[in-house]
Structures are given as C-alpha cells and as structure tokens.
Protein backbone atom coordinates (compact mmCIF):
# COMPACT_ATOMS: atom_id res chain seq x y z
CA MET A 1 -26.67 37.44 -98.26
CA ASP A 2 -28.62 34.41 -97.18
CA GLN A 3 -28.38 33.38 -93.48
CA GLU A 4 -28.15 29.75 -92.41
CA PRO A 5 -30.98 28.47 -90.24
CA PHE A 6 -30.29 28.37 -86.42
CA LYS A 7 -29.29 24.97 -85.00
CA PRO A 8 -29.61 24.25 -81.28
CA ALA A 9 -26.41 23.32 -79.44
CA ASN A 10 -26.00 19.68 -78.49
CA ASN A 11 -25.24 19.64 -74.65
CA LYS A 12 -25.71 15.91 -74.16
CA ILE A 13 -22.94 14.27 -72.03
CA ASN A 14 -21.82 10.96 -73.22
CA ILE A 15 -21.05 8.53 -70.32
CA SER A 16 -19.20 5.48 -71.26
CA PRO A 17 -20.39 2.09 -70.02
CA LYS A 18 -16.97 1.43 -68.51
CA LEU A 19 -17.37 4.43 -66.18
CA ILE A 20 -20.77 3.22 -65.03
CA ILE A 21 -19.45 -0.25 -64.36
CA GLY A 22 -16.51 1.24 -62.44
CA LEU A 23 -18.81 3.33 -60.28
CA VAL A 24 -21.00 0.34 -59.53
CA ILE A 25 -17.97 -1.73 -58.62
CA ALA A 26 -16.65 1.06 -56.38
CA VAL A 27 -19.98 1.33 -54.57
CA ILE A 28 -20.07 -2.44 -54.08
CA VAL A 29 -16.50 -2.48 -52.79
CA LEU A 30 -17.23 0.43 -50.41
CA ALA A 31 -20.40 -1.19 -49.11
CA THR A 32 -18.57 -4.48 -48.73
CA ALA A 33 -15.74 -2.84 -46.81
CA MET A 34 -18.11 -0.92 -44.54
CA SER A 35 -20.12 -4.04 -43.74
CA SER A 36 -17.05 -6.20 -43.18
CA PHE A 37 -15.76 -4.41 -40.08
CA PHE A 38 -17.36 -3.51 -36.80
CA VAL A 39 -16.10 -2.27 -33.42
CA VAL A 40 -16.98 -3.88 -30.10
CA ASP A 41 -16.77 -1.74 -26.94
CA GLN A 42 -14.78 -2.78 -23.86
CA THR A 43 -17.98 -3.45 -21.93
CA GLU A 44 -19.49 -5.61 -24.68
CA GLN A 45 -19.23 -8.87 -26.56
CA ALA A 46 -20.63 -9.45 -30.03
CA VAL A 47 -22.56 -12.49 -31.21
CA VAL A 48 -22.04 -13.18 -34.93
CA THR A 49 -24.66 -15.11 -36.89
CA ARG A 50 -24.27 -16.52 -40.39
CA PHE A 51 -27.50 -16.73 -42.36
CA GLY A 52 -29.35 -16.31 -39.05
CA ARG A 53 -27.60 -19.18 -37.26
CA TYR A 54 -25.22 -18.63 -34.36
CA ASN A 55 -21.60 -18.78 -35.54
CA ARG A 56 -19.27 -17.31 -32.90
CA THR A 57 -18.82 -14.79 -30.07
CA VAL A 58 -16.12 -12.13 -30.35
CA GLY A 59 -14.64 -9.79 -27.75
CA PRO A 60 -13.82 -6.07 -27.67
CA GLY A 61 -11.92 -4.38 -30.48
CA LEU A 62 -12.08 -4.16 -34.27
CA GLN A 63 -13.69 -7.31 -35.68
CA ILE A 64 -14.32 -8.74 -39.18
CA LYS A 65 -17.41 -10.46 -40.56
CA VAL A 66 -18.63 -11.65 -43.91
CA PRO A 67 -20.27 -8.64 -45.61
CA LEU A 68 -23.49 -8.06 -47.51
CA GLY A 69 -25.71 -9.39 -44.74
CA ILE A 70 -24.30 -12.89 -44.81
CA GLU A 71 -23.07 -12.43 -41.26
CA LYS A 72 -24.62 -10.11 -38.69
CA ALA A 73 -23.22 -8.94 -35.36
CA TYR A 74 -25.30 -8.35 -32.22
CA LYS A 75 -23.57 -6.45 -29.44
CA VAL A 76 -24.38 -7.49 -25.85
CA PRO A 77 -23.25 -5.51 -22.74
CA THR A 78 -21.64 -8.41 -20.85
CA GLN A 79 -19.56 -6.27 -18.44
CA VAL A 80 -22.40 -4.02 -17.28
CA VAL A 81 -24.26 -4.79 -14.05
CA GLN A 82 -27.94 -4.42 -14.84
CA THR A 83 -30.49 -3.66 -12.12
CA MET A 84 -34.16 -4.58 -11.99
CA THR A 85 -36.43 -3.22 -9.27
CA PHE A 86 -39.45 -5.02 -7.81
CA GLY A 87 -42.32 -3.33 -6.01
CA TYR A 88 -41.39 0.09 -7.36
CA ARG A 89 -39.92 1.83 -10.37
CA SER A 90 -37.40 4.66 -10.39
CA SER A 91 -37.40 7.50 -12.88
CA ILE A 92 -34.67 7.93 -15.47
CA ASN A 93 -33.05 10.83 -13.60
CA THR A 94 -32.90 9.09 -10.21
CA SER A 95 -30.99 6.17 -8.80
CA PRO A 96 -32.51 2.68 -9.17
CA LEU A 97 -32.48 2.44 -5.37
CA ILE A 98 -34.84 5.43 -5.00
CA ALA A 99 -38.51 4.66 -5.57
CA SER A 100 -40.59 7.05 -7.61
CA THR A 101 -43.58 4.82 -8.39
CA ASP A 102 -44.88 2.06 -6.11
CA LEU A 103 -46.20 -1.20 -7.58
CA PRO A 104 -48.12 -3.00 -4.83
CA ALA A 105 -49.00 -5.84 -7.21
CA GLU A 106 -45.36 -6.93 -7.03
CA SER A 107 -44.56 -6.04 -3.41
CA ILE A 108 -47.61 -7.25 -1.44
CA MET A 109 -46.99 -10.79 -0.13
CA LEU A 110 -48.40 -13.24 2.41
CA THR A 111 -46.04 -14.40 5.19
CA GLY A 112 -45.89 -17.79 6.87
CA ASP A 113 -47.97 -16.62 9.86
CA LEU A 114 -50.73 -15.34 7.52
CA ASN A 115 -49.77 -11.66 7.75
CA ILE A 116 -49.52 -9.30 4.80
CA ILE A 117 -46.24 -7.53 4.14
CA ASP A 118 -45.10 -4.93 1.63
CA LEU A 119 -41.62 -5.94 0.43
CA GLU A 120 -39.48 -4.21 -2.18
CA TRP A 121 -36.21 -5.58 -3.58
CA ILE A 122 -33.73 -5.31 -6.41
CA VAL A 123 -31.96 -7.92 -8.53
CA GLN A 124 -28.60 -7.12 -10.12
CA PHE A 125 -27.18 -9.38 -12.81
CA LYS A 126 -24.60 -9.61 -15.57
CA ILE A 127 -24.87 -11.40 -18.91
CA SER A 128 -22.42 -14.30 -18.90
CA TYR A 129 -23.36 -16.05 -22.16
CA PRO A 130 -24.49 -13.55 -24.79
CA ASP A 131 -25.56 -16.25 -27.27
CA LYS A 132 -27.92 -17.82 -24.72
CA TRP A 133 -29.17 -14.37 -23.70
CA LEU A 134 -30.10 -13.57 -27.32
CA PHE A 135 -31.57 -16.83 -28.56
CA ASN A 136 -32.80 -19.10 -25.73
CA VAL A 137 -35.56 -16.94 -24.20
CA GLN A 138 -37.79 -14.58 -26.09
CA GLU A 139 -39.18 -12.32 -23.33
CA ARG A 140 -36.11 -12.04 -21.16
CA GLU A 141 -37.15 -9.22 -18.81
CA ARG A 142 -40.58 -10.73 -18.20
CA THR A 143 -38.99 -14.09 -17.45
CA ILE A 144 -36.58 -12.57 -14.94
CA ARG A 145 -39.41 -10.74 -13.21
CA ASP A 146 -41.67 -13.78 -13.00
CA ILE A 147 -38.92 -16.02 -11.62
CA SER A 148 -37.78 -13.42 -9.08
CA GLN A 149 -41.30 -12.80 -7.81
CA SER A 150 -41.98 -16.53 -7.55
CA VAL A 151 -38.80 -17.20 -5.54
CA MET A 152 -39.35 -14.23 -3.22
CA ASN A 153 -42.98 -15.15 -2.56
CA GLN A 154 -41.95 -18.71 -1.71
CA LEU A 155 -39.24 -17.62 0.74
CA VAL A 156 -41.39 -14.99 2.46
CA GLY A 157 -44.30 -17.43 2.66
CA ASP A 158 -42.23 -19.82 4.77
CA LEU A 159 -41.32 -17.27 7.47
CA PRO A 160 -43.20 -15.21 10.07
CA ILE A 161 -43.49 -11.52 9.46
CA LEU A 162 -41.15 -10.46 12.30
CA SER A 163 -38.38 -12.72 11.00
CA VAL A 164 -38.74 -11.26 7.51
CA MET A 165 -38.51 -7.74 8.88
CA THR A 166 -35.61 -8.34 11.26
CA SER A 167 -33.38 -11.38 11.66
CA GLU A 168 -33.88 -13.24 8.37
CA ARG A 169 -33.20 -10.43 5.90
CA THR A 170 -29.69 -11.56 5.05
CA SER A 171 -30.60 -15.24 4.78
CA ILE A 172 -33.54 -14.36 2.48
CA GLU A 173 -31.20 -12.40 0.20
CA ILE A 174 -28.64 -15.21 0.00
CA GLU A 175 -31.18 -17.98 -0.53
CA ALA A 176 -33.13 -15.94 -3.08
CA GLN A 177 -29.94 -15.33 -5.08
CA ASN A 178 -29.13 -19.06 -5.11
CA GLU A 179 -32.64 -20.14 -6.07
CA MET A 180 -32.93 -17.53 -8.83
CA GLN A 181 -29.58 -18.56 -10.25
CA LYS A 182 -30.64 -22.23 -10.37
CA THR A 183 -33.87 -21.37 -12.19
CA PHE A 184 -32.15 -19.01 -14.66
CA ASP A 185 -29.61 -21.73 -15.45
CA SER A 186 -32.35 -24.28 -16.04
CA TYR A 187 -33.97 -21.89 -18.53
CA GLY A 188 -30.60 -21.28 -20.23
CA LEU A 189 -30.96 -17.54 -19.78
CA GLY A 190 -27.20 -16.97 -19.80
CA ILE A 191 -27.02 -14.52 -16.87
CA ARG A 192 -25.25 -14.51 -13.49
CA VAL A 193 -27.05 -13.01 -10.50
CA VAL A 194 -24.69 -10.57 -8.78
CA THR A 195 -26.84 -9.72 -5.78
CA VAL A 196 -30.38 -9.69 -4.43
CA LYS A 197 -31.00 -6.82 -2.01
CA LEU A 198 -34.13 -6.25 0.05
CA GLN A 199 -35.23 -2.63 0.27
CA ASN A 200 -38.32 -1.50 2.17
CA ILE A 201 -40.02 -4.17 4.31
CA VAL A 202 -43.12 -2.74 5.99
CA PRO A 203 -46.63 -3.91 6.87
CA PRO A 204 -49.51 -2.48 4.87
CA GLU A 205 -50.40 1.10 5.68
CA GLY A 206 -52.82 1.72 8.52
CA THR A 207 -53.20 0.46 12.07
CA VAL A 208 -51.08 -2.62 11.42
CA GLN A 209 -48.14 -0.53 10.24
CA ASN A 210 -48.32 1.69 13.33
CA ALA A 211 -48.33 -1.36 15.59
CA PHE A 212 -45.31 -2.81 13.85
CA GLU A 213 -43.48 0.50 14.10
CA ASP A 214 -44.03 0.32 17.87
CA VAL A 215 -42.67 -3.22 17.83
CA ASN A 216 -39.61 -2.08 15.90
CA LYS A 217 -38.99 0.72 18.39
CA ALA A 218 -39.25 -1.77 21.23
CA ILE A 219 -36.78 -4.07 19.48
CA GLN A 220 -34.38 -1.17 18.95
CA ASP A 221 -34.66 -0.23 22.64
CA MET A 222 -34.01 -3.85 23.60
CA ASN A 223 -30.91 -3.99 21.40
CA ARG A 224 -29.72 -0.69 22.84
CA TYR A 225 -30.08 -1.96 26.41
CA ILE A 226 -28.28 -5.16 25.48
CA ASN A 227 -25.43 -3.19 23.93
CA GLU A 228 -25.20 -0.93 26.97
CA GLY A 229 -25.10 -4.00 29.25
CA LYS A 230 -22.37 -5.56 27.11
CA GLU A 231 -20.42 -2.31 27.19
CA GLN A 232 -20.66 -2.14 30.99
CA TYR A 233 -19.73 -5.81 31.23
CA ASN A 234 -16.69 -5.25 29.02
CA SER A 235 -15.59 -2.29 31.14
CA ILE A 236 -16.00 -3.97 34.58
CA ILE A 237 -15.36 -7.69 34.15
CA PRO A 238 -11.93 -7.43 32.48
CA LYS A 239 -10.82 -4.97 35.17
CA ALA A 240 -11.98 -7.33 37.93
CA GLN A 241 -10.31 -10.25 36.19
CA GLY A 242 -7.09 -8.27 35.95
CA GLU A 243 -7.20 -7.38 39.62
CA ALA A 244 -7.90 -11.02 40.52
CA LYS A 245 -4.94 -12.17 38.44
CA GLN A 246 -2.79 -9.52 40.11
CA GLN A 247 -3.81 -10.71 43.58
CA ILE A 248 -3.14 -14.31 42.58
CA GLN A 249 0.30 -13.37 41.28
CA ILE A 250 1.05 -11.46 44.50
CA ALA A 251 -0.06 -14.43 46.59
CA GLU A 252 1.98 -16.82 44.47
CA GLY A 253 5.01 -14.54 44.81
CA TYR A 254 4.54 -14.32 48.59
CA ALA A 255 4.19 -18.10 48.83
CA LYS A 256 7.36 -18.63 46.81
CA GLU A 257 9.14 -16.09 49.02
CA ARG A 258 8.06 -17.87 52.22
CA VAL A 259 8.98 -21.25 50.82
CA ASN A 260 12.39 -20.02 49.70
CA ASN A 261 13.00 -18.36 53.09
CA ALA A 262 12.00 -21.54 54.88
CA ARG A 263 14.28 -23.59 52.68
CA GLY A 264 17.09 -21.13 53.38
CA ASP A 265 16.49 -21.36 57.12
CA VAL A 266 16.47 -25.14 56.91
CA ALA A 267 19.68 -25.14 54.90
CA ARG A 268 21.29 -22.74 57.38
CA PHE A 269 20.13 -24.83 60.33
CA ASN A 270 21.43 -28.02 58.72
CA SER A 271 24.77 -26.35 58.06
CA MET A 272 24.92 -25.15 61.66
CA ARG A 273 23.98 -28.61 62.90
CA ASP A 274 26.78 -30.16 60.91
CA ILE A 275 29.26 -27.71 62.43
CA TYR A 276 27.83 -28.35 65.89
CA GLN A 277 28.29 -32.08 65.45
CA GLN A 278 31.94 -31.50 64.62
CA SER A 279 32.71 -29.26 67.67
CA LYS A 280 29.81 -29.01 70.09
CA GLN A 281 31.47 -26.94 72.87
CA ILE A 282 32.92 -24.32 70.55
CA THR A 283 29.65 -23.99 68.68
CA ALA A 284 27.68 -23.64 71.91
CA ASP A 285 30.04 -20.93 73.16
CA ARG A 286 29.81 -19.08 69.84
CA LEU A 287 26.04 -19.22 69.86
CA TYR A 288 25.94 -17.91 73.41
CA ILE A 289 28.27 -15.02 72.57
CA GLU A 290 26.29 -14.10 69.45
CA THR A 291 23.06 -14.16 71.43
CA MET A 292 24.48 -11.95 74.15
CA GLU A 293 25.81 -9.52 71.55
CA GLU A 294 22.37 -9.30 69.98
CA ILE A 295 20.72 -8.67 73.38
CA ILE A 296 23.23 -6.01 74.36
CA SER A 297 23.04 -4.25 71.00
CA GLN A 298 19.23 -4.07 71.18
CA SER A 299 19.14 -2.67 74.74
CA THR A 300 18.93 1.09 74.99
CA ASP A 301 18.76 1.27 78.86
CA ASN A 302 21.43 0.76 81.49
CA LEU A 303 22.85 -2.72 81.48
CA THR A 304 24.33 -4.45 84.56
CA LEU A 305 26.22 -7.70 84.40
CA ILE A 306 26.28 -9.75 87.59
CA ASP A 307 27.48 -13.16 88.55
CA LYS A 308 24.81 -15.55 89.71
CA ASP A 309 27.13 -16.85 92.43
CA LEU A 310 27.64 -13.38 93.92
CA GLU A 311 26.33 -13.45 97.49
CA ASN A 312 26.63 -9.79 98.42
CA PHE A 313 25.68 -7.28 95.81
CA LEU A 314 25.22 -3.58 96.34
CA PRO A 315 21.97 -2.71 94.51
CA ILE A 316 23.50 0.10 92.50
CA SER A 317 20.94 -0.47 89.79
CA GLN A 318 18.22 0.79 92.14
CA ILE A 319 19.78 4.24 92.53
CA ASP A 320 18.18 5.50 89.34
CA SER A 321 14.65 4.15 89.73
CA SER A 322 13.30 6.22 86.88
CA LYS A 323 15.12 4.08 84.35
CA ASN A 324 14.78 0.42 83.80
CA SER A 325 17.97 -1.56 84.14
CA THR A 326 18.71 -4.84 82.50
CA VAL A 327 20.31 -7.43 84.74
CA VAL A 328 22.04 -10.26 83.05
CA GLN A 329 23.53 -13.15 84.99
CA ASN A 330 26.67 -14.63 83.67
CA ASN A 331 25.61 -18.24 83.46
CA THR A 332 28.56 -19.73 81.69
CA ASN A 333 32.30 -19.85 81.90
CA VAL A 334 33.65 -18.47 78.68
CA GLY A 335 37.34 -19.07 78.24
CA GLY A 336 37.58 -20.77 81.69
CA THR A 337 36.40 -17.76 83.79
CA ASN A 338 33.15 -16.94 85.67
C-alpha cells in the first residue's frame, strides 16, 4: 500500500483589511478622545494655545481642547503663593524662612552712610495672568531676582545703617513691595507681589558686628526704660488726676451747698422782714420769746430771772458758789407785765 507524501499544515491567519482599518480607526478615536480632555486642579489655571499661539485661559475642572496637538494646554499654579529667598537658600526639607546656605553676593549691601550691611529677605508672589507669565518673559526667576535685588539695594543705599536695622524696616518692606510691583508690571510679568519681608539684618562679621550688637543692646535698654517710665506714668498720673477731680467735685459741692444755704437764709430773712413790716410789735415779741427759749434750753446751770427795776434783791444765787448761775434781767413787758 503506497503512502501519500507528508504535507505541512498551513497555520497562516488571514486578517481582513476591514479589521485592520477598524483597529486603526479605533486607535485614532481613542487617541483623539484622550487628547481632547484635560483636568485643571483647583489651585491652577490652564493656558490653551492653538498652533503655538495663545487662544484662551480656562479655570479648574474638566476642560476640552482640539486634539492631535492642534491645541495644547499649559497648567499654571495661579492660587499658590510662591516664595523666593534672597541672601540665603533653604533646603527642600526645611521651611523657606530657615536659612541653610548663605549667599553673601546677594545679601551684602552698601548703606547711605557708607557702611556695609548683610541683609536677607524673602519675596512672596502669586501668578495673576498665566498667559503673561508663560509668554512675555523667558527667564522669569532670574528676572524676579534681578529686579528684587536692584530695588532693595536702592532703598538700603538711601538710608543710614541704624535706620535700616531698626526704625525703617517696615517702611522698606512696604516701599520695596510697591517698587517691585511697578517694575514687574512694566515687564508684563503677570505676577502680584503678596509681601516683601526682611529677615536677618546684621553688619558683617567681626568687630563691627560686635559693636552693633552693643548698640542694639543699648537701644533695647533705652526702650525698656522708656516703657517702664510710661508704665509708672500711667499708674500715677491717672490716679492723681482722679483725686484732683474728686477734690474739685467736693469743692464744687461745698460751694453749691453754701450758696444754697445763703439763699435759704436770705429767703427766710426776707420772709421774716415782710411779716415784721406787717406787725412789728408782735414780731418783736415773738423773736424775743424764741431767743429766750433758746438761751434757757441751752443752759445746763441754775438759772435766775430777776427784774432790772428790783431795788432790793437777796443774793440767793451766791449761796452755791461752786456752780455758775445765769442771771437774766427781764427787759421787756410781755403781755403788759414786768
């Protein structure tokens, strides 16, 4: 029996052109869909360019753009306060306010009285116009540093060293912020300066620094003495003023009392005078009786009434010589009798 020759199996897979075209279309659709949407964070804004030219700025959320590279989105952190340090650099793991590397080339300056000072500061800013931030200036960080150093050197160069170290710190910060903002706006940098804060302000190391430390201690002692004097003044002067006002009020009250009493006496006298004018004899008798009653009521010793016309009078009042006797002469005829 003759055997047929062996034929290899045909494992070739036939792929239809329609399937290939479908896969290509699916890939294009998927790539188009993936490049048509992008998400902007809450702290960001996105600048969209079309064929490399600025087109629009969009806010946070899910956004749409023309796919396949026709439009591109550049995200800019517009809600984040960025900090740049001058005169020192901080490490990644430390706060920007803590120096880890000193840069004397940025911090050494000449003051208005020809002294040298070592001044460190920070500039904090936010991006207000993301399109300007991206396209107007090429070396943005270098520009910010150069402008900040120029403004700070100008301000420090107009003041004596003691003013820079003590009384003019706040005014330097405010004026530096304003001047930097004007220059950034003129360059179209698209940022808003949040704050300029001076950090370390010291003379160069050595004998000069030690002398200025002594000056600072003396200034601190002076301020302490001034504060103590103000505290003592505030504790004594208001008390004395209160006591003075109290004495014035007492005197005014006493004066009003005397005036009112005098007015009352005058009114009483005038009333009595009017009555006296109406009946002089009766009023005179009444006044005499009231006066005698007052004298008798106030006397605590023996009282003897005598008549001034009495010729013979037994001196009974002399019997008890140890006590004082009051002798009253009846000088009027009350009710027609002596």
